[in-house]
Amino acid sequence: ADQSDFVTTQRGSGSGVIVRADGFIVTNAHVVRGASRIRVEIPTKADGQSLLARRSRVAPARVVGVDEETDIAVLRVEEQGLTPLPFGDSDDLRTGQMMLAFGSPLGLQNSVSLGIVSAVARQLEPESPMVYIQTDASINPGNSGGPLVDVRGRLMGINTLILSGGPAT
């Protein structure tokens, strides 16, 4: 049989951050690119909840906006009363400031890593409109779309990419 005769299902995962109580979520465009169905896992609060058996619910989401140039996507779930992360001002960031990177790296849910701001206005190409916050907080596949948060709990950026080189010579 020809390869085109087979139908396959592919699954991907990434992270995101709730930015409005009425169901708006920000993630990376590359996290949702090509998706025919998007489901979002939303943690639920419960008194006396076990650390090992966290509760959550899964809600369908739809893409309401995508900016490929900045690799940002906005999703919407039909939920109310969600707890959004407040925005900070990335213009206030300084090299050496501590940051927290949240996400689900390598499929491990609800992970956080601590690092510092290595550079505040990093560009991969000189004329690129995309300006990055460089941090040494551990970022792995699955962290994409998750929040980069300052120590006051404010959203300062979205985890977008990993740059790693070969051995130093």
N, C-alpha and C. Protein backbone atom coordinates (compact mmCIF):
# COMPACT_ATOMS: atom_id res chain seq x y z
N ALA A 1 0.84 -1.18 0.00
CA ALA A 1 0.00 0.00 0.00
C ALA A 1 0.88 1.24 0.00
N ASP A 2 0.40 2.25 -0.61
CA ASP A 2 1.09 3.53 -0.68
C ASP A 2 0.96 4.25 0.66
N GLN A 3 1.97 5.04 1.04
CA GLN A 3 1.93 5.79 2.31
C GLN A 3 0.71 6.69 2.38
N SER A 4 0.25 7.23 1.25
CA SER A 4 -0.90 8.15 1.27
C SER A 4 -2.21 7.42 1.57
N ASP A 5 -2.19 6.09 1.60
CA ASP A 5 -3.39 5.33 1.90
C ASP A 5 -3.67 5.24 3.40
N PHE A 6 -2.74 5.67 4.21
CA PHE A 6 -2.89 5.55 5.66
C PHE A 6 -3.27 6.89 6.28
N VAL A 7 -4.16 6.84 7.24
CA VAL A 7 -4.53 8.02 8.01
C VAL A 7 -3.90 7.87 9.38
N THR A 8 -3.19 8.88 9.80
CA THR A 8 -2.56 8.82 11.11
C THR A 8 -3.02 9.98 11.97
N THR A 9 -2.94 9.78 13.24
CA THR A 9 -3.23 10.83 14.20
C THR A 9 -1.93 11.26 14.83
N GLN A 10 -1.70 12.55 14.86
CA GLN A 10 -0.53 13.08 15.53
C GLN A 10 -1.00 13.93 16.69
N ARG A 11 -0.27 13.83 17.77
CA ARG A 11 -0.58 14.63 18.94
C ARG A 11 0.63 15.46 19.29
N GLY A 12 0.36 16.63 19.75
CA GLY A 12 1.42 17.50 20.22
C GLY A 12 0.99 18.12 21.53
N SER A 13 1.93 18.67 22.22
CA SER A 13 1.56 19.36 23.46
C SER A 13 2.48 20.55 23.65
N GLY A 14 2.01 21.45 24.44
CA GLY A 14 2.77 22.64 24.78
C GLY A 14 2.15 23.23 26.03
N SER A 15 2.54 24.42 26.32
CA SER A 15 2.05 25.10 27.52
C SER A 15 1.37 26.39 27.10
N GLY A 16 0.71 27.00 28.04
CA GLY A 16 0.04 28.28 27.80
C GLY A 16 -0.19 28.98 29.11
N VAL A 17 -0.74 30.18 29.03
CA VAL A 17 -0.98 30.96 30.25
C VAL A 17 -2.32 31.69 30.11
N ILE A 18 -3.13 31.60 31.15
CA ILE A 18 -4.42 32.29 31.19
C ILE A 18 -4.14 33.78 31.41
N VAL A 19 -4.66 34.62 30.51
CA VAL A 19 -4.42 36.05 30.62
C VAL A 19 -5.68 36.86 30.90
N ARG A 20 -6.86 36.21 30.80
CA ARG A 20 -8.11 36.88 31.16
C ARG A 20 -9.04 35.87 31.80
N ALA A 21 -9.80 36.33 32.77
CA ALA A 21 -10.70 35.46 33.52
C ALA A 21 -11.79 34.85 32.66
N ASP A 22 -12.08 35.47 31.51
CA ASP A 22 -13.16 34.97 30.66
C ASP A 22 -12.65 34.02 29.57
N GLY A 23 -11.50 33.38 29.80
CA GLY A 23 -11.09 32.27 28.97
C GLY A 23 -10.05 32.52 27.91
N PHE A 24 -9.37 33.65 27.94
CA PHE A 24 -8.32 33.90 26.95
C PHE A 24 -6.98 33.35 27.45
N ILE A 25 -6.31 32.63 26.56
CA ILE A 25 -5.05 31.96 26.89
C ILE A 25 -4.04 32.31 25.81
N VAL A 26 -2.80 32.60 26.20
CA VAL A 26 -1.73 32.88 25.25
C VAL A 26 -0.78 31.70 25.23
N THR A 27 -0.34 31.34 24.04
CA THR A 27 0.64 30.28 23.84
C THR A 27 1.47 30.66 22.63
N ASN A 28 2.30 29.76 22.15
CA ASN A 28 3.05 29.99 20.92
C ASN A 28 2.24 29.56 19.72
N ALA A 29 2.43 30.25 18.61
CA ALA A 29 1.78 29.87 17.36
C ALA A 29 2.23 28.48 16.93
N HIS A 30 3.52 28.16 17.14
CA HIS A 30 3.99 26.84 16.70
C HIS A 30 3.40 25.70 17.52
N VAL A 31 2.87 25.99 18.70
CA VAL A 31 2.23 24.95 19.52
C VAL A 31 0.91 24.52 18.90
N VAL A 32 0.19 25.44 18.28
CA VAL A 32 -1.13 25.12 17.73
C VAL A 32 -1.15 25.01 16.21
N ARG A 33 -0.02 25.28 15.58
CA ARG A 33 0.04 25.25 14.10
C ARG A 33 -0.38 23.88 13.57
N GLY A 34 -1.31 23.88 12.64
CA GLY A 34 -1.76 22.65 12.00
C GLY A 34 -2.74 21.83 12.82
N ALA A 35 -3.12 22.30 13.98
CA ALA A 35 -4.03 21.52 14.84
C ALA A 35 -5.45 21.57 14.30
N SER A 36 -6.11 20.42 14.29
CA SER A 36 -7.52 20.38 13.91
C SER A 36 -8.41 20.41 15.14
N ARG A 37 -7.85 20.04 16.28
CA ARG A 37 -8.60 20.07 17.54
C ARG A 37 -7.64 20.47 18.65
N ILE A 38 -8.07 21.41 19.47
CA ILE A 38 -7.24 21.88 20.58
C ILE A 38 -8.01 21.68 21.87
N ARG A 39 -7.35 21.04 22.82
CA ARG A 39 -7.93 20.86 24.14
C ARG A 39 -6.96 21.43 25.16
N VAL A 40 -7.50 22.11 26.15
CA VAL A 40 -6.70 22.76 27.17
C VAL A 40 -7.00 22.14 28.52
N GLU A 41 -5.94 21.80 29.23
CA GLU A 41 -6.11 21.27 30.58
C GLU A 41 -6.03 22.43 31.57
N ILE A 42 -7.10 22.59 32.34
CA ILE A 42 -7.19 23.70 33.29
C ILE A 42 -7.17 23.13 34.70
N PRO A 43 -6.18 23.54 35.52
CA PRO A 43 -6.13 23.04 36.90
C PRO A 43 -7.33 23.55 37.69
N THR A 44 -7.80 22.72 38.61
CA THR A 44 -8.90 23.14 39.48
C THR A 44 -8.39 23.19 40.91
N LYS A 45 -8.98 24.08 41.67
CA LYS A 45 -8.60 24.23 43.07
C LYS A 45 -9.51 23.36 43.93
N ALA A 46 -8.92 22.70 44.89
CA ALA A 46 -9.71 21.91 45.82
C ALA A 46 -8.99 21.88 47.16
N ASP A 47 -9.73 22.15 48.24
CA ASP A 47 -9.13 22.10 49.57
C ASP A 47 -8.70 20.68 49.89
N GLY A 48 -7.56 20.55 50.50
CA GLY A 48 -7.06 19.24 50.88
C GLY A 48 -6.61 18.41 49.69
N GLN A 49 -6.36 19.06 48.58
CA GLN A 49 -5.96 18.35 47.36
C GLN A 49 -4.58 17.73 47.53
N SER A 50 -4.44 16.50 47.10
CA SER A 50 -3.17 15.79 47.17
C SER A 50 -2.18 16.41 46.19
N LEU A 51 -0.92 16.50 46.60
CA LEU A 51 0.12 16.99 45.70
C LEU A 51 0.36 16.00 44.57
N LEU A 52 0.09 14.73 44.81
CA LEU A 52 0.35 13.71 43.80
C LEU A 52 -0.81 13.49 42.85
N ALA A 53 -1.99 13.87 43.24
CA ALA A 53 -3.16 13.65 42.40
C ALA A 53 -3.87 14.98 42.14
N ARG A 54 -3.19 15.85 41.45
CA ARG A 54 -3.78 17.15 41.14
C ARG A 54 -5.00 16.97 40.24
N ARG A 55 -5.99 17.81 40.49
CA ARG A 55 -7.21 17.73 39.71
C ARG A 55 -7.19 18.79 38.61
N SER A 56 -7.78 18.43 37.48
CA SER A 56 -7.91 19.37 36.39
C SER A 56 -9.09 18.96 35.54
N ARG A 57 -9.48 19.84 34.66
CA ARG A 57 -10.53 19.53 33.69
C ARG A 57 -10.00 19.88 32.32
N VAL A 58 -10.51 19.22 31.32
CA VAL A 58 -10.10 19.47 29.95
C VAL A 58 -11.24 20.19 29.24
N ALA A 59 -10.89 21.29 28.57
CA ALA A 59 -11.88 22.09 27.87
C ALA A 59 -11.46 22.27 26.42
N PRO A 60 -12.42 22.23 25.50
CA PRO A 60 -12.07 22.52 24.11
C PRO A 60 -11.71 24.00 23.98
N ALA A 61 -10.77 24.27 23.08
CA ALA A 61 -10.35 25.66 22.85
C ALA A 61 -10.36 25.93 21.36
N ARG A 62 -10.51 27.19 21.03
CA ARG A 62 -10.42 27.59 19.63
C ARG A 62 -9.39 28.71 19.51
N VAL A 63 -8.74 28.77 18.37
CA VAL A 63 -7.76 29.81 18.10
C VAL A 63 -8.52 31.07 17.70
N VAL A 64 -8.25 32.18 18.38
CA VAL A 64 -8.90 33.44 18.03
C VAL A 64 -7.93 34.43 17.38
N GLY A 65 -6.65 34.14 17.45
CA GLY A 65 -5.68 35.01 16.80
C GLY A 65 -4.31 34.37 16.77
N VAL A 66 -3.57 34.63 15.68
CA VAL A 66 -2.23 34.10 15.53
C VAL A 66 -1.36 35.18 14.91
N ASP A 67 -0.16 35.36 15.44
CA ASP A 67 0.84 36.21 14.84
C ASP A 67 2.08 35.36 14.61
N GLU A 68 2.25 34.90 13.39
CA GLU A 68 3.37 34.02 13.05
C GLU A 68 4.72 34.72 13.26
N GLU A 69 4.76 36.01 12.97
CA GLU A 69 6.03 36.74 13.07
C GLU A 69 6.59 36.74 14.49
N THR A 70 5.70 36.87 15.48
CA THR A 70 6.15 36.85 16.88
C THR A 70 5.91 35.50 17.55
N ASP A 71 5.37 34.53 16.80
CA ASP A 71 5.11 33.18 17.30
C ASP A 71 4.16 33.17 18.49
N ILE A 72 3.12 33.99 18.41
CA ILE A 72 2.13 34.07 19.49
C ILE A 72 0.76 33.67 18.95
N ALA A 73 0.03 32.91 19.76
CA ALA A 73 -1.36 32.55 19.44
C ALA A 73 -2.22 32.83 20.66
N VAL A 74 -3.44 33.26 20.40
CA VAL A 74 -4.42 33.49 21.46
C VAL A 74 -5.53 32.46 21.28
N LEU A 75 -5.81 31.75 22.37
CA LEU A 75 -6.87 30.74 22.38
C LEU A 75 -8.01 31.24 23.26
N ARG A 76 -9.16 30.61 23.08
CA ARG A 76 -10.31 30.95 23.92
C ARG A 76 -11.00 29.67 24.35
N VAL A 77 -11.24 29.53 25.63
CA VAL A 77 -12.07 28.46 26.16
C VAL A 77 -13.34 29.10 26.69
N GLU A 78 -14.44 28.37 26.61
CA GLU A 78 -15.72 28.91 27.10
C GLU A 78 -15.81 28.67 28.60
N GLU A 79 -15.04 29.42 29.34
CA GLU A 79 -14.98 29.32 30.79
C GLU A 79 -15.05 30.73 31.36
N GLN A 80 -15.54 30.83 32.56
CA GLN A 80 -15.57 32.12 33.26
C GLN A 80 -14.90 31.92 34.62
N GLY A 81 -14.44 32.98 35.21
CA GLY A 81 -13.88 32.93 36.56
C GLY A 81 -12.52 32.27 36.65
N LEU A 82 -11.78 32.22 35.54
CA LEU A 82 -10.42 31.67 35.58
C LEU A 82 -9.50 32.68 36.26
N THR A 83 -8.38 32.21 36.76
CA THR A 83 -7.43 33.09 37.42
C THR A 83 -6.32 33.46 36.45
N PRO A 84 -6.32 34.72 35.98
CA PRO A 84 -5.30 35.12 35.02
C PRO A 84 -3.99 35.51 35.71
N LEU A 85 -2.91 35.42 34.97
CA LEU A 85 -1.62 35.89 35.43
C LEU A 85 -1.51 37.36 35.04
N PRO A 86 -1.18 38.23 35.98
CA PRO A 86 -1.09 39.66 35.62
C PRO A 86 0.12 39.93 34.75
N PHE A 87 -0.02 40.90 33.86
CA PHE A 87 1.07 41.29 32.98
C PHE A 87 2.06 42.19 33.71
N GLY A 88 3.34 42.00 33.43
CA GLY A 88 4.37 42.92 33.85
C GLY A 88 4.81 43.71 32.64
N ASP A 89 5.82 44.53 32.80
CA ASP A 89 6.36 45.33 31.70
C ASP A 89 7.77 44.85 31.41
N SER A 90 7.95 44.16 30.28
CA SER A 90 9.26 43.60 29.97
C SER A 90 10.31 44.70 29.77
N ASP A 91 9.90 45.93 29.53
CA ASP A 91 10.86 47.04 29.43
C ASP A 91 11.55 47.30 30.76
N ASP A 92 10.97 46.83 31.86
CA ASP A 92 11.56 47.02 33.19
C ASP A 92 12.58 45.95 33.54
N LEU A 93 12.70 44.91 32.70
CA LEU A 93 13.63 43.82 33.00
C LEU A 93 15.08 44.28 32.91
N ARG A 94 15.91 43.71 33.77
CA ARG A 94 17.34 44.02 33.77
C ARG A 94 18.12 42.71 33.80
N THR A 95 19.29 42.73 33.18
CA THR A 95 20.18 41.57 33.23
C THR A 95 20.48 41.23 34.68
N GLY A 96 20.42 39.94 35.00
CA GLY A 96 20.68 39.48 36.36
C GLY A 96 19.43 39.28 37.20
N GLN A 97 18.30 39.76 36.73
CA GLN A 97 17.04 39.62 37.46
C GLN A 97 16.59 38.16 37.44
N MET A 98 16.07 37.65 38.56
CA MET A 98 15.60 36.27 38.63
C MET A 98 14.26 36.12 37.93
N MET A 99 14.11 34.98 37.24
CA MET A 99 12.90 34.66 36.50
C MET A 99 12.52 33.21 36.75
N LEU A 100 11.23 32.91 36.54
CA LEU A 100 10.72 31.56 36.65
C LEU A 100 10.09 31.17 35.31
N ALA A 101 10.45 30.00 34.81
CA ALA A 101 9.87 29.49 33.56
C ALA A 101 8.95 28.33 33.91
N PHE A 102 7.67 28.47 33.57
CA PHE A 102 6.67 27.45 33.86
C PHE A 102 6.31 26.70 32.58
N GLY A 103 5.87 25.47 32.74
CA GLY A 103 5.41 24.70 31.60
C GLY A 103 5.36 23.23 31.90
N SER A 104 5.31 22.46 30.84
CA SER A 104 5.27 21.00 30.94
C SER A 104 6.39 20.42 30.09
N PRO A 105 7.64 20.62 30.51
CA PRO A 105 8.76 20.16 29.69
C PRO A 105 8.80 18.64 29.61
N LEU A 106 9.03 18.16 28.39
CA LEU A 106 9.15 16.71 28.16
C LEU A 106 7.94 15.95 28.68
N GLY A 107 6.78 16.61 28.71
CA GLY A 107 5.55 15.97 29.16
C GLY A 107 5.36 15.94 30.66
N LEU A 108 6.29 16.51 31.42
CA LEU A 108 6.17 16.56 32.88
C LEU A 108 5.32 17.76 33.26
N GLN A 109 4.15 17.51 33.80
CA GLN A 109 3.20 18.58 34.08
C GLN A 109 3.65 19.48 35.21
N ASN A 110 3.25 20.73 35.10
CA ASN A 110 3.40 21.71 36.17
C ASN A 110 4.82 21.83 36.69
N SER A 111 5.77 22.05 35.79
CA SER A 111 7.16 22.20 36.18
C SER A 111 7.54 23.68 36.20
N VAL A 112 8.50 24.00 37.03
CA VAL A 112 9.03 25.35 37.09
C VAL A 112 10.55 25.28 37.20
N SER A 113 11.22 26.20 36.54
CA SER A 113 12.67 26.29 36.67
C SER A 113 13.02 27.75 36.95
N LEU A 114 14.11 27.92 37.67
CA LEU A 114 14.56 29.25 38.09
C LEU A 114 15.81 29.61 37.32
N GLY A 115 15.90 30.85 36.92
CA GLY A 115 17.09 31.32 36.23
C GLY A 115 17.19 32.82 36.33
N ILE A 116 18.15 33.37 35.64
CA ILE A 116 18.30 34.82 35.60
C ILE A 116 18.14 35.31 34.17
N VAL A 117 17.87 36.58 34.04
CA VAL A 117 17.84 37.21 32.73
C VAL A 117 19.28 37.36 32.27
N SER A 118 19.61 36.72 31.16
CA SER A 118 20.96 36.81 30.61
C SER A 118 21.10 38.02 29.70
N ALA A 119 20.04 38.35 28.97
CA ALA A 119 20.01 39.53 28.10
C ALA A 119 18.55 39.92 27.91
N VAL A 120 18.31 41.21 27.76
CA VAL A 120 16.92 41.68 27.66
C VAL A 120 16.46 42.01 26.25
N ALA A 121 17.33 42.16 25.32
CA ALA A 121 16.93 42.53 23.96
C ALA A 121 17.73 41.73 22.94
N ARG A 122 17.58 40.44 22.99
CA ARG A 122 18.34 39.54 22.12
C ARG A 122 17.59 39.39 20.79
N GLN A 123 18.30 39.52 19.68
CA GLN A 123 17.75 39.29 18.36
C GLN A 123 18.56 38.19 17.69
N LEU A 124 17.88 37.26 17.03
CA LEU A 124 18.58 36.20 16.32
C LEU A 124 19.15 36.70 15.00
N GLU A 125 18.48 37.69 14.40
CA GLU A 125 18.94 38.32 13.17
C GLU A 125 18.85 39.82 13.37
N PRO A 126 19.83 40.58 12.90
CA PRO A 126 19.88 42.02 13.18
C PRO A 126 18.62 42.80 12.81
N GLU A 127 17.95 42.46 11.71
CA GLU A 127 16.78 43.22 11.27
C GLU A 127 15.45 42.61 11.74
N SER A 128 15.52 41.54 12.54
CA SER A 128 14.30 40.85 12.97
C SER A 128 13.46 41.73 13.90
N PRO A 129 12.14 41.74 13.70
CA PRO A 129 11.28 42.48 14.62
C PRO A 129 11.09 41.73 15.95
N MET A 130 11.51 40.48 15.98
CA MET A 130 11.34 39.66 17.18
C MET A 130 12.50 39.90 18.14
N VAL A 131 12.15 40.34 19.33
CA VAL A 131 13.15 40.61 20.36
C VAL A 131 12.88 39.65 21.52
N TYR A 132 13.92 38.94 21.95
CA TYR A 132 13.78 37.90 22.95
C TYR A 132 14.37 38.33 24.29
N ILE A 133 13.82 37.74 25.35
CA ILE A 133 14.42 37.79 26.67
C ILE A 133 15.22 36.50 26.79
N GLN A 134 16.51 36.60 26.97
CA GLN A 134 17.33 35.40 27.12
C GLN A 134 17.47 35.10 28.61
N THR A 135 17.25 33.84 28.96
CA THR A 135 17.37 33.41 30.35
C THR A 135 18.12 32.09 30.42
N ASP A 136 18.71 31.83 31.56
CA ASP A 136 19.35 30.53 31.73
C ASP A 136 18.45 29.56 32.49
N ALA A 137 17.18 29.94 32.71
CA ALA A 137 16.21 28.99 33.28
C ALA A 137 16.08 27.82 32.31
N SER A 138 16.02 26.62 32.83
CA SER A 138 15.91 25.43 31.97
C SER A 138 14.62 25.46 31.18
N ILE A 139 14.75 25.38 29.87
CA ILE A 139 13.61 25.32 28.96
C ILE A 139 13.80 24.06 28.11
N ASN A 140 12.78 23.24 28.02
CA ASN A 140 12.83 22.01 27.25
C ASN A 140 11.59 21.91 26.37
N PRO A 141 11.58 21.00 25.39
CA PRO A 141 10.37 20.82 24.58
C PRO A 141 9.16 20.59 25.50
N GLY A 142 8.08 21.29 25.26
CA GLY A 142 6.89 21.24 26.12
C GLY A 142 6.75 22.50 26.94
N ASN A 143 7.86 23.25 27.14
CA ASN A 143 7.79 24.55 27.81
C ASN A 143 7.25 25.62 26.86
N SER A 144 7.29 25.36 25.55
CA SER A 144 6.84 26.35 24.58
C SER A 144 5.43 26.82 24.92
N GLY A 145 5.26 28.12 24.92
CA GLY A 145 3.96 28.71 25.20
C GLY A 145 3.72 29.00 26.66
N GLY A 146 4.57 28.46 27.53
CA GLY A 146 4.41 28.70 28.96
C GLY A 146 4.91 30.08 29.37
N PRO A 147 4.54 30.53 30.55
CA PRO A 147 4.92 31.87 30.97
C PRO A 147 6.33 31.95 31.53
N LEU A 148 6.98 33.08 31.24
CA LEU A 148 8.22 33.49 31.90
C LEU A 148 7.79 34.58 32.87
N VAL A 149 8.01 34.34 34.15
CA VAL A 149 7.42 35.15 35.21
C VAL A 149 8.51 35.74 36.08
N ASP A 150 8.32 37.00 36.49
CA ASP A 150 9.27 37.60 37.43
C ASP A 150 8.95 37.14 38.85
N VAL A 151 9.80 37.50 39.80
CA VAL A 151 9.62 37.00 41.17
C VAL A 151 8.40 37.62 41.86
N ARG A 152 7.78 38.63 41.25
CA ARG A 152 6.54 39.18 41.80
C ARG A 152 5.31 38.52 41.21
N GLY A 153 5.52 37.49 40.36
CA GLY A 153 4.41 36.75 39.79
C GLY A 153 3.77 37.40 38.58
N ARG A 154 4.50 38.25 37.87
CA ARG A 154 3.96 38.94 36.70
C ARG A 154 4.48 38.29 35.42
N LEU A 155 3.61 38.20 34.43
CA LEU A 155 3.97 37.64 33.14
C LEU A 155 4.89 38.62 32.41
N MET A 156 6.11 38.16 32.10
CA MET A 156 7.08 39.02 31.42
C MET A 156 7.38 38.54 30.00
N GLY A 157 7.06 37.31 29.69
CA GLY A 157 7.30 36.79 28.36
C GLY A 157 6.72 35.40 28.22
N ILE A 158 6.82 34.87 27.01
CA ILE A 158 6.34 33.53 26.70
C ILE A 158 7.53 32.69 26.27
N ASN A 159 7.70 31.52 26.89
CA ASN A 159 8.80 30.61 26.51
C ASN A 159 8.61 30.21 25.06
N THR A 160 9.62 30.49 24.24
CA THR A 160 9.45 30.33 22.80
C THR A 160 10.42 29.36 22.15
N LEU A 161 11.68 29.47 22.48
CA LEU A 161 12.64 28.62 21.78
C LEU A 161 13.82 28.29 22.66
N ILE A 162 14.52 27.26 22.21
CA ILE A 162 15.72 26.78 22.90
C ILE A 162 16.87 26.90 21.92
N LEU A 163 17.92 27.54 22.35
CA LEU A 163 19.13 27.58 21.53
C LEU A 163 20.20 26.83 22.28
N SER A 164 20.76 25.85 21.65
CA SER A 164 21.86 25.12 22.26
C SER A 164 22.88 24.82 21.17
N GLY A 165 24.11 24.93 21.52
CA GLY A 165 25.16 24.68 20.55
C GLY A 165 25.90 23.42 20.88
N GLY A 166 26.82 23.12 20.04
CA GLY A 166 27.66 21.94 20.27
C GLY A 166 28.71 22.27 21.32
N PRO A 167 29.66 21.37 21.51
CA PRO A 167 30.70 21.59 22.52
C PRO A 167 31.57 22.78 22.17
N ALA A 168 31.97 23.51 23.19
CA ALA A 168 32.86 24.67 22.99
C ALA A 168 34.24 24.19 22.58
N THR A 169 34.87 24.96 21.73
CA THR A 169 36.23 24.59 21.29
C THR A 169 37.21 25.65 21.69
